[in-house]
Amino acid sequence: MDCLLGSDPVVRMRAADAAEKVSVKQPAILARFKRELLDLAEQTTQAEVRWHLALMIPRLALGRGEKDRAMVAMRRFLNDRSSIVKTFALQALADMSRGDRDLETDVLVLLERAASSGTAAMKARSRKLLAQFAAK
């Protein structure tokens, strides 16, 4: 985890990429770093790290307070200059809201807005996510 906090942006990017790739098949590997990942999501401005965090954080078992922190961080990611960060933040918000009616309602509003006024990637992802919510 120290590599994600180092001074070299290339090392941070590669470490985030490696951690995200491993967590696809072994999400439990992230559990012991939950606090550090949430702290990093609140602090980092590096787009490459942000988009990997947006993919990793929803894989964590989050308590209510932790989920609230993560949701706030992902909403902040929606203001990033990177379309990739914004698109993955939408995905993260959708993933973390599932099963919570109040959160889902808020996320649906964000998705509808992004589907009409976001970047091309955000529009496409939002349409896909809206269809998934409608199908359930």
N, C-alpha and C. Protein backbone atom coordinates (compact mmCIF):
# COMPACT_ATOMS: atom_id res chain seq x y z
N MET A 1 0.82 -1.19 0.00
CA MET A 1 0.00 0.00 0.00
C MET A 1 0.86 1.26 0.00
N ASP A 2 2.07 1.15 0.52
CA ASP A 2 2.96 2.30 0.56
C ASP A 2 3.23 2.86 -0.83
N CYS A 3 3.24 1.98 -1.84
CA CYS A 3 3.51 2.42 -3.21
C CYS A 3 2.44 3.39 -3.71
N LEU A 4 1.22 3.24 -3.20
CA LEU A 4 0.13 4.14 -3.62
C LEU A 4 0.28 5.52 -3.01
N LEU A 5 1.11 5.63 -1.99
CA LEU A 5 1.28 6.90 -1.28
C LEU A 5 2.61 7.57 -1.59
N GLY A 6 3.46 6.93 -2.38
CA GLY A 6 4.80 7.44 -2.64
C GLY A 6 4.81 8.73 -3.44
N SER A 7 6.01 9.23 -3.67
CA SER A 7 6.16 10.52 -4.35
C SER A 7 6.19 10.39 -5.87
N ASP A 8 6.41 9.19 -6.39
CA ASP A 8 6.53 9.00 -7.84
C ASP A 8 5.16 8.66 -8.44
N PRO A 9 4.62 9.55 -9.28
CA PRO A 9 3.28 9.30 -9.83
C PRO A 9 3.20 8.06 -10.71
N VAL A 10 4.30 7.70 -11.37
CA VAL A 10 4.29 6.49 -12.21
C VAL A 10 4.18 5.25 -11.32
N VAL A 11 4.90 5.24 -10.22
CA VAL A 11 4.83 4.12 -9.29
C VAL A 11 3.43 4.03 -8.69
N ARG A 12 2.86 5.18 -8.30
CA ARG A 12 1.49 5.19 -7.75
C ARG A 12 0.50 4.61 -8.76
N MET A 13 0.63 5.03 -10.02
CA MET A 13 -0.27 4.56 -11.07
C MET A 13 -0.13 3.05 -11.25
N ARG A 14 1.09 2.56 -11.34
CA ARG A 14 1.32 1.12 -11.56
C ARG A 14 0.88 0.30 -10.35
N ALA A 15 1.09 0.82 -9.16
CA ALA A 15 0.66 0.11 -7.95
C ALA A 15 -0.86 0.03 -7.89
N ALA A 16 -1.53 1.13 -8.25
CA ALA A 16 -2.99 1.13 -8.26
C ALA A 16 -3.52 0.15 -9.30
N ASP A 17 -2.88 0.11 -10.45
CA ASP A 17 -3.28 -0.81 -11.50
C ASP A 17 -3.12 -2.26 -11.05
N ALA A 18 -1.99 -2.56 -10.44
CA ALA A 18 -1.73 -3.93 -9.99
C ALA A 18 -2.71 -4.33 -8.89
N ALA A 19 -2.94 -3.46 -7.93
CA ALA A 19 -3.88 -3.77 -6.85
C ALA A 19 -5.28 -3.99 -7.39
N GLU A 20 -5.68 -3.17 -8.33
CA GLU A 20 -7.02 -3.31 -8.91
C GLU A 20 -7.15 -4.63 -9.66
N LYS A 21 -6.14 -4.98 -10.43
CA LYS A 21 -6.19 -6.23 -11.21
C LYS A 21 -6.26 -7.45 -10.29
N VAL A 22 -5.48 -7.45 -9.24
CA VAL A 22 -5.50 -8.57 -8.29
C VAL A 22 -6.86 -8.65 -7.60
N SER A 23 -7.43 -7.51 -7.28
CA SER A 23 -8.69 -7.49 -6.54
C SER A 23 -9.89 -7.95 -7.36
N VAL A 24 -9.75 -8.03 -8.67
CA VAL A 24 -10.83 -8.56 -9.50
C VAL A 24 -11.12 -10.00 -9.11
N LYS A 25 -10.07 -10.78 -8.96
CA LYS A 25 -10.23 -12.20 -8.64
C LYS A 25 -10.15 -12.48 -7.14
N GLN A 26 -9.52 -11.57 -6.41
CA GLN A 26 -9.36 -11.76 -4.97
C GLN A 26 -9.72 -10.48 -4.22
N PRO A 27 -10.99 -10.08 -4.22
CA PRO A 27 -11.37 -8.82 -3.58
C PRO A 27 -11.04 -8.78 -2.08
N ALA A 28 -11.02 -9.94 -1.43
CA ALA A 28 -10.72 -9.97 0.00
C ALA A 28 -9.33 -9.47 0.32
N ILE A 29 -8.45 -9.49 -0.67
CA ILE A 29 -7.08 -9.02 -0.45
C ILE A 29 -7.03 -7.54 -0.07
N LEU A 30 -8.07 -6.81 -0.44
CA LEU A 30 -8.14 -5.37 -0.14
C LEU A 30 -8.61 -5.08 1.28
N ALA A 31 -9.25 -6.04 1.92
CA ALA A 31 -9.93 -5.80 3.20
C ALA A 31 -9.04 -5.13 4.24
N ARG A 32 -7.82 -5.60 4.38
CA ARG A 32 -6.97 -5.03 5.43
C ARG A 32 -6.48 -3.61 5.10
N PHE A 33 -6.71 -3.17 3.87
CA PHE A 33 -6.29 -1.82 3.45
C PHE A 33 -7.47 -0.87 3.27
N LYS A 34 -8.63 -1.28 3.77
CA LYS A 34 -9.85 -0.52 3.55
C LYS A 34 -9.70 0.94 3.99
N ARG A 35 -9.21 1.17 5.19
CA ARG A 35 -9.09 2.54 5.68
C ARG A 35 -8.13 3.36 4.82
N GLU A 36 -7.01 2.76 4.44
CA GLU A 36 -6.04 3.46 3.62
C GLU A 36 -6.61 3.80 2.24
N LEU A 37 -7.38 2.87 1.67
CA LEU A 37 -7.99 3.13 0.36
C LEU A 37 -9.02 4.25 0.44
N LEU A 38 -9.82 4.25 1.51
CA LEU A 38 -10.80 5.33 1.68
C LEU A 38 -10.10 6.67 1.91
N ASP A 39 -9.05 6.66 2.72
CA ASP A 39 -8.27 7.89 2.94
C ASP A 39 -7.69 8.39 1.63
N LEU A 40 -7.13 7.48 0.86
CA LEU A 40 -6.53 7.85 -0.42
C LEU A 40 -7.58 8.43 -1.37
N ALA A 41 -8.76 7.84 -1.39
CA ALA A 41 -9.83 8.35 -2.25
C ALA A 41 -10.21 9.78 -1.88
N GLU A 42 -10.09 10.11 -0.62
CA GLU A 42 -10.40 11.47 -0.17
C GLU A 42 -9.28 12.46 -0.48
N GLN A 43 -8.07 11.95 -0.68
CA GLN A 43 -6.91 12.83 -0.79
C GLN A 43 -6.30 12.95 -2.19
N THR A 44 -6.29 11.88 -2.94
CA THR A 44 -5.53 11.89 -4.19
C THR A 44 -6.22 12.73 -5.27
N THR A 45 -5.41 13.37 -6.07
CA THR A 45 -5.91 14.10 -7.23
C THR A 45 -5.41 13.46 -8.53
N GLN A 46 -4.60 12.41 -8.41
CA GLN A 46 -4.04 11.75 -9.59
C GLN A 46 -5.11 10.90 -10.25
N ALA A 47 -5.43 11.24 -11.50
CA ALA A 47 -6.52 10.58 -12.22
C ALA A 47 -6.34 9.07 -12.31
N GLU A 48 -5.13 8.62 -12.60
CA GLU A 48 -4.91 7.19 -12.77
C GLU A 48 -5.16 6.42 -11.47
N VAL A 49 -4.83 7.01 -10.36
CA VAL A 49 -5.09 6.38 -9.06
C VAL A 49 -6.59 6.44 -8.76
N ARG A 50 -7.20 7.57 -9.04
CA ARG A 50 -8.64 7.71 -8.80
C ARG A 50 -9.46 6.67 -9.55
N TRP A 51 -9.14 6.44 -10.83
CA TRP A 51 -10.00 5.51 -11.57
C TRP A 51 -9.83 4.09 -11.05
N HIS A 52 -8.64 3.74 -10.59
CA HIS A 52 -8.46 2.41 -10.01
C HIS A 52 -9.17 2.30 -8.66
N LEU A 53 -9.14 3.37 -7.88
CA LEU A 53 -9.87 3.37 -6.61
C LEU A 53 -11.37 3.22 -6.84
N ALA A 54 -11.88 3.87 -7.88
CA ALA A 54 -13.31 3.77 -8.19
C ALA A 54 -13.70 2.34 -8.53
N LEU A 55 -12.78 1.58 -9.05
CA LEU A 55 -13.04 0.17 -9.35
C LEU A 55 -12.87 -0.71 -8.12
N MET A 56 -11.91 -0.38 -7.26
CA MET A 56 -11.61 -1.23 -6.10
C MET A 56 -12.56 -1.03 -4.93
N ILE A 57 -12.88 0.19 -4.61
CA ILE A 57 -13.64 0.47 -3.39
C ILE A 57 -14.99 -0.25 -3.34
N PRO A 58 -15.73 -0.34 -4.43
CA PRO A 58 -16.99 -1.10 -4.34
C PRO A 58 -16.80 -2.59 -4.06
N ARG A 59 -15.61 -3.09 -4.20
CA ARG A 59 -15.33 -4.51 -3.91
C ARG A 59 -15.11 -4.75 -2.42
N LEU A 60 -15.02 -3.69 -1.64
CA LEU A 60 -14.81 -3.80 -0.21
C LEU A 60 -16.13 -4.01 0.52
N ALA A 61 -16.08 -4.73 1.64
CA ALA A 61 -17.23 -4.82 2.54
C ALA A 61 -17.21 -3.54 3.37
N LEU A 62 -18.16 -2.66 3.13
CA LEU A 62 -18.17 -1.35 3.77
C LEU A 62 -19.31 -1.24 4.77
N GLY A 63 -18.98 -0.73 5.95
CA GLY A 63 -20.01 -0.37 6.92
C GLY A 63 -20.69 0.91 6.46
N ARG A 64 -21.73 1.31 7.15
CA ARG A 64 -22.51 2.48 6.72
C ARG A 64 -21.65 3.75 6.65
N GLY A 65 -20.87 4.02 7.66
CA GLY A 65 -20.02 5.21 7.66
C GLY A 65 -18.97 5.15 6.56
N GLU A 66 -18.41 3.98 6.34
CA GLU A 66 -17.41 3.81 5.29
C GLU A 66 -18.05 3.99 3.91
N LYS A 67 -19.24 3.46 3.75
CA LYS A 67 -19.94 3.62 2.47
C LYS A 67 -20.25 5.10 2.21
N ASP A 68 -20.66 5.79 3.26
CA ASP A 68 -20.92 7.23 3.12
C ASP A 68 -19.67 7.97 2.68
N ARG A 69 -18.53 7.65 3.29
CA ARG A 69 -17.25 8.26 2.89
C ARG A 69 -16.94 7.98 1.44
N ALA A 70 -17.11 6.71 1.05
CA ALA A 70 -16.82 6.31 -0.32
C ALA A 70 -17.74 7.01 -1.31
N MET A 71 -19.01 7.12 -0.97
CA MET A 71 -19.97 7.78 -1.86
C MET A 71 -19.59 9.26 -2.05
N VAL A 72 -19.21 9.91 -0.97
CA VAL A 72 -18.79 11.32 -1.06
C VAL A 72 -17.56 11.45 -1.96
N ALA A 73 -16.60 10.55 -1.78
CA ALA A 73 -15.39 10.59 -2.60
C ALA A 73 -15.73 10.38 -4.07
N MET A 74 -16.60 9.42 -4.37
CA MET A 74 -16.96 9.15 -5.77
C MET A 74 -17.74 10.32 -6.37
N ARG A 75 -18.55 10.97 -5.58
CA ARG A 75 -19.25 12.17 -6.09
C ARG A 75 -18.23 13.26 -6.43
N ARG A 76 -17.19 13.37 -5.61
CA ARG A 76 -16.13 14.35 -5.91
C ARG A 76 -15.40 13.96 -7.19
N PHE A 77 -15.22 12.66 -7.40
CA PHE A 77 -14.57 12.19 -8.63
C PHE A 77 -15.35 12.61 -9.87
N LEU A 78 -16.65 12.82 -9.74
CA LEU A 78 -17.46 13.25 -10.89
C LEU A 78 -17.04 14.63 -11.40
N ASN A 79 -16.28 15.37 -10.59
CA ASN A 79 -15.79 16.69 -11.00
C ASN A 79 -14.37 16.64 -11.57
N ASP A 80 -13.81 15.45 -11.68
CA ASP A 80 -12.46 15.28 -12.22
C ASP A 80 -12.44 15.70 -13.69
N ARG A 81 -11.29 16.08 -14.18
CA ARG A 81 -11.16 16.41 -15.61
C ARG A 81 -11.20 15.18 -16.48
N SER A 82 -10.83 14.04 -15.93
CA SER A 82 -10.75 12.79 -16.69
C SER A 82 -12.12 12.15 -16.88
N SER A 83 -12.45 11.89 -18.12
CA SER A 83 -13.70 11.20 -18.42
C SER A 83 -13.69 9.78 -17.86
N ILE A 84 -12.54 9.14 -17.84
CA ILE A 84 -12.44 7.79 -17.29
C ILE A 84 -12.76 7.80 -15.80
N VAL A 85 -12.20 8.75 -15.08
CA VAL A 85 -12.48 8.85 -13.64
C VAL A 85 -13.97 9.07 -13.42
N LYS A 86 -14.56 9.97 -14.17
CA LYS A 86 -15.99 10.25 -14.02
C LYS A 86 -16.83 9.01 -14.32
N THR A 87 -16.48 8.32 -15.38
CA THR A 87 -17.25 7.14 -15.79
C THR A 87 -17.14 6.03 -14.74
N PHE A 88 -15.94 5.77 -14.24
CA PHE A 88 -15.76 4.74 -13.23
C PHE A 88 -16.39 5.17 -11.90
N ALA A 89 -16.42 6.46 -11.62
CA ALA A 89 -17.10 6.94 -10.41
C ALA A 89 -18.60 6.67 -10.50
N LEU A 90 -19.18 6.87 -11.67
CA LEU A 90 -20.60 6.54 -11.85
C LEU A 90 -20.84 5.05 -11.60
N GLN A 91 -19.97 4.22 -12.14
CA GLN A 91 -20.09 2.78 -11.92
C GLN A 91 -19.99 2.46 -10.44
N ALA A 92 -19.03 3.07 -9.75
CA ALA A 92 -18.84 2.82 -8.32
C ALA A 92 -20.07 3.25 -7.53
N LEU A 93 -20.61 4.41 -7.84
CA LEU A 93 -21.80 4.89 -7.14
C LEU A 93 -22.97 3.93 -7.35
N ALA A 94 -23.13 3.46 -8.57
CA ALA A 94 -24.21 2.51 -8.86
C ALA A 94 -23.99 1.22 -8.08
N ASP A 95 -22.77 0.70 -8.10
CA ASP A 95 -22.47 -0.56 -7.41
C ASP A 95 -22.71 -0.44 -5.91
N MET A 96 -22.27 0.66 -5.32
CA MET A 96 -22.40 0.82 -3.87
C MET A 96 -23.83 1.13 -3.44
N SER A 97 -24.65 1.63 -4.34
CA SER A 97 -26.02 1.99 -3.97
C SER A 97 -26.98 0.81 -4.02
N ARG A 98 -26.60 -0.23 -4.72
CA ARG A 98 -27.52 -1.37 -4.91
C ARG A 98 -28.01 -1.92 -3.57
N GLY A 99 -29.32 -2.08 -3.49
CA GLY A 99 -29.93 -2.61 -2.28
C GLY A 99 -30.30 -1.57 -1.25
N ASP A 100 -29.94 -0.34 -1.46
CA ASP A 100 -30.29 0.76 -0.55
C ASP A 100 -31.17 1.74 -1.33
N ARG A 101 -32.45 1.69 -1.06
CA ARG A 101 -33.42 2.46 -1.85
C ARG A 101 -33.09 3.95 -1.91
N ASP A 102 -32.70 4.53 -0.77
CA ASP A 102 -32.39 5.96 -0.74
C ASP A 102 -31.18 6.28 -1.61
N LEU A 103 -30.12 5.48 -1.46
CA LEU A 103 -28.92 5.70 -2.28
C LEU A 103 -29.23 5.48 -3.75
N GLU A 104 -29.99 4.44 -4.05
CA GLU A 104 -30.34 4.16 -5.45
C GLU A 104 -31.08 5.34 -6.06
N THR A 105 -31.99 5.93 -5.32
CA THR A 105 -32.76 7.07 -5.84
C THR A 105 -31.82 8.21 -6.20
N ASP A 106 -30.89 8.52 -5.32
CA ASP A 106 -29.92 9.60 -5.60
C ASP A 106 -29.04 9.27 -6.79
N VAL A 107 -28.59 8.03 -6.86
CA VAL A 107 -27.70 7.62 -7.95
C VAL A 107 -28.45 7.62 -9.28
N LEU A 108 -29.70 7.23 -9.28
CA LEU A 108 -30.49 7.25 -10.52
C LEU A 108 -30.57 8.67 -11.08
N VAL A 109 -30.70 9.65 -10.22
CA VAL A 109 -30.73 11.05 -10.67
C VAL A 109 -29.39 11.41 -11.33
N LEU A 110 -28.30 11.02 -10.69
CA LEU A 110 -26.97 11.28 -11.27
C LEU A 110 -26.81 10.59 -12.62
N LEU A 111 -27.27 9.34 -12.70
CA LEU A 111 -27.15 8.60 -13.95
C LEU A 111 -27.99 9.22 -15.06
N GLU A 112 -29.18 9.65 -14.74
CA GLU A 112 -30.03 10.29 -15.74
C GLU A 112 -29.40 11.59 -16.25
N ARG A 113 -28.82 12.34 -15.33
CA ARG A 113 -28.13 13.58 -15.71
C ARG A 113 -26.93 13.28 -16.60
N ALA A 114 -26.13 12.29 -16.20
CA ALA A 114 -24.94 11.93 -16.97
C ALA A 114 -25.32 11.36 -18.33
N ALA A 115 -26.44 10.64 -18.40
CA ALA A 115 -26.88 10.05 -19.67
C ALA A 115 -27.26 11.11 -20.68
N SER A 116 -27.59 12.29 -20.21
CA SER A 116 -27.99 13.34 -21.15
C SER A 116 -26.93 14.42 -21.33
N SER A 117 -26.06 14.60 -20.34
CA SER A 117 -25.12 15.72 -20.47
C SER A 117 -23.67 15.38 -20.17
N GLY A 118 -23.35 14.11 -19.95
CA GLY A 118 -21.97 13.74 -19.65
C GLY A 118 -21.14 13.58 -20.91
N THR A 119 -19.93 13.11 -20.72
CA THR A 119 -19.07 12.79 -21.85
C THR A 119 -19.66 11.58 -22.57
N ALA A 120 -19.13 11.25 -23.72
CA ALA A 120 -19.64 10.09 -24.46
C ALA A 120 -19.55 8.82 -23.63
N ALA A 121 -18.44 8.63 -22.94
CA ALA A 121 -18.26 7.44 -22.10
C ALA A 121 -19.26 7.44 -20.94
N MET A 122 -19.47 8.60 -20.34
CA MET A 122 -20.43 8.69 -19.24
C MET A 122 -21.85 8.41 -19.72
N LYS A 123 -22.18 8.91 -20.87
CA LYS A 123 -23.52 8.67 -21.43
C LYS A 123 -23.74 7.18 -21.66
N ALA A 124 -22.77 6.53 -22.29
CA ALA A 124 -22.90 5.11 -22.58
C ALA A 124 -22.99 4.29 -21.29
N ARG A 125 -22.13 4.56 -20.32
CA ARG A 125 -22.15 3.81 -19.07
C ARG A 125 -23.44 4.08 -18.30
N SER A 126 -23.89 5.32 -18.30
CA SER A 126 -25.12 5.66 -17.60
C SER A 126 -26.32 4.95 -18.20
N ARG A 127 -26.39 4.90 -19.52
CA ARG A 127 -27.51 4.18 -20.16
C ARG A 127 -27.48 2.70 -19.76
N LYS A 128 -26.31 2.11 -19.75
CA LYS A 128 -26.17 0.70 -19.38
C LYS A 128 -26.62 0.49 -17.92
N LEU A 129 -26.18 1.35 -17.03
CA LEU A 129 -26.52 1.22 -15.62
C LEU A 129 -28.01 1.47 -15.38
N LEU A 130 -28.57 2.46 -16.07
CA LEU A 130 -30.01 2.72 -15.94
C LEU A 130 -30.81 1.50 -16.40
N ALA A 131 -30.38 0.86 -17.46
CA ALA A 131 -31.06 -0.34 -17.94
C ALA A 131 -30.98 -1.46 -16.91
N GLN A 132 -29.82 -1.60 -16.24
CA GLN A 132 -29.67 -2.62 -15.21
C GLN A 132 -30.60 -2.35 -14.02
N PHE A 133 -30.69 -1.10 -13.61
CA PHE A 133 -31.59 -0.75 -12.50
C PHE A 133 -33.04 -1.01 -12.90
N ALA A 134 -33.40 -0.69 -14.13
CA ALA A 134 -34.77 -0.89 -14.60
C ALA A 134 -35.13 -2.37 -14.68
N ALA A 135 -34.16 -3.22 -14.97
CA ALA A 135 -34.41 -4.65 -15.15
C ALA A 135 -34.62 -5.38 -13.83
N LYS A 136 -34.20 -4.78 -12.75
CA LYS A 136 -34.31 -5.53 -11.47
C LYS A 136 -35.65 -5.43 -10.83
